[in-house]
Amino acid sequence: MATTQGIKLDDKTLSRLKALAEKKSRSSHWLMRTAIEKYLDHEEHYENERSDDMARWNRYLTTGNAVDGETVENWLTELTQNKETSWPK
């Protein structure tokens, strides 16, 4: 289900939006919706990564367990050789 949501744009932004929409043969609506979806995807990914990082940090603070430097170095070497490898545990 789609819901209409209003947005206030200053004249300069509206003019830029209309010009770009015309150049791309798209509607202003399509550009705004696409921009919002990309922004949300980016920010949700960022927040998920941040949440995962904090969980790992808290786990380290609680347990003191960490990946040793040699393991990380081996993992980085494999990455530079374009080998499919997962993060060391």
Protein backbone atom coordinates (compact mmCIF):
# COMPACT_ATOMS: atom_id res chain seq x y z
CA MET A 1 0.00 0.00 0.00
CA ALA A 2 1.35 3.42 -0.90
CA THR A 3 0.77 6.55 1.14
CA THR A 4 1.25 10.10 -0.05
CA GLN A 5 3.80 12.09 1.94
CA GLY A 6 4.43 15.77 1.35
CA ILE A 7 7.85 17.36 1.24
CA LYS A 8 8.73 21.05 1.18
CA LEU A 9 11.55 22.01 -1.18
CA ASP A 10 13.09 25.40 -1.69
CA ASP A 11 12.89 26.86 -5.20
CA LYS A 12 16.49 26.04 -6.09
CA THR A 13 16.16 22.38 -5.07
CA LEU A 14 12.85 22.03 -6.88
CA SER A 15 14.37 23.55 -10.02
CA ARG A 16 17.32 21.17 -9.85
CA LEU A 17 15.00 18.21 -9.31
CA LYS A 18 12.83 19.10 -12.30
CA ALA A 19 15.88 19.68 -14.53
CA LEU A 20 17.41 16.33 -13.61
CA ALA A 21 14.10 14.53 -14.04
CA GLU A 22 13.80 15.96 -17.53
CA LYS A 23 17.37 14.98 -18.45
CA LYS A 24 16.78 11.44 -17.21
CA SER A 25 13.30 11.18 -18.77
CA ARG A 26 11.92 10.36 -15.34
CA SER A 27 9.41 12.02 -13.10
CA SER A 28 10.40 14.13 -10.11
CA HIS A 29 8.42 11.66 -8.02
CA TRP A 30 10.54 8.75 -9.29
CA LEU A 31 13.78 10.61 -8.50
CA MET A 32 12.64 11.48 -4.97
CA ARG A 33 11.42 7.96 -4.25
CA THR A 34 14.63 6.43 -5.61
CA ALA A 35 16.81 8.85 -3.63
CA ILE A 36 14.91 8.11 -0.42
CA GLU A 37 15.13 4.35 -0.96
CA LYS A 38 18.90 4.54 -1.61
CA TYR A 39 19.39 6.74 1.44
CA LEU A 40 17.40 4.34 3.62
CA ASP A 41 19.32 1.33 2.30
CA HIS A 42 22.61 3.07 3.05
CA GLU A 43 21.63 4.24 6.52
CA GLU A 44 20.05 0.91 7.50
CA HIS A 45 23.23 -0.88 6.41
CA TYR A 46 25.31 1.61 8.41
CA GLU A 47 23.17 1.16 11.53
CA ASN A 48 23.29 -2.64 11.23
CA GLU A 49 27.08 -2.54 10.91
CA ARG A 50 27.32 -0.16 13.86
CA SER A 51 25.10 -2.44 15.94
CA ASP A 52 27.22 -5.47 15.01
CA ASP A 53 30.41 -3.55 15.86
CA MET A 54 29.04 -2.58 19.26
CA ALA A 55 28.01 -6.17 19.96
CA ARG A 56 31.52 -7.37 19.10
CA TRP A 57 33.07 -4.63 21.25
CA ASN A 58 30.83 -5.52 24.20
CA ARG A 59 31.62 -9.21 23.73
CA TYR A 60 35.33 -8.35 23.82
CA LEU A 61 34.89 -6.23 26.95
CA THR A 62 32.99 -9.07 28.61
CA THR A 63 35.19 -11.99 27.55
CA GLY A 64 38.54 -10.44 26.61
CA ASN A 65 38.59 -12.78 23.62
CA ALA A 66 40.06 -11.32 20.45
CA VAL A 67 41.50 -12.48 17.13
CA ASP A 68 45.29 -12.54 17.33
CA GLY A 69 47.43 -10.51 14.95
CA GLU A 70 48.86 -13.50 13.08
CA THR A 71 45.37 -14.79 12.26
CA VAL A 72 44.33 -11.37 11.00
CA GLU A 73 47.52 -11.07 8.93
CA ASN A 74 46.86 -14.47 7.30
CA TRP A 75 43.28 -13.44 6.59
CA LEU A 76 44.41 -10.17 4.98
CA THR A 77 46.96 -12.05 2.87
CA GLU A 78 44.22 -14.33 1.57
CA LEU A 79 42.06 -11.31 0.75
CA THR A 80 44.86 -9.68 -1.25
CA GLN A 81 45.17 -12.92 -3.24
CA ASN A 82 41.44 -12.67 -4.14
CA LYS A 83 40.63 -15.80 -2.18
CA GLU A 84 37.10 -16.19 -0.86
CA THR A 85 37.56 -16.11 2.87
CA SER A 86 35.40 -15.27 5.86
CA TRP A 87 36.33 -13.13 8.83
CA PRO A 88 38.52 -15.11 11.26
CA LYS A 89 36.91 -16.28 14.47
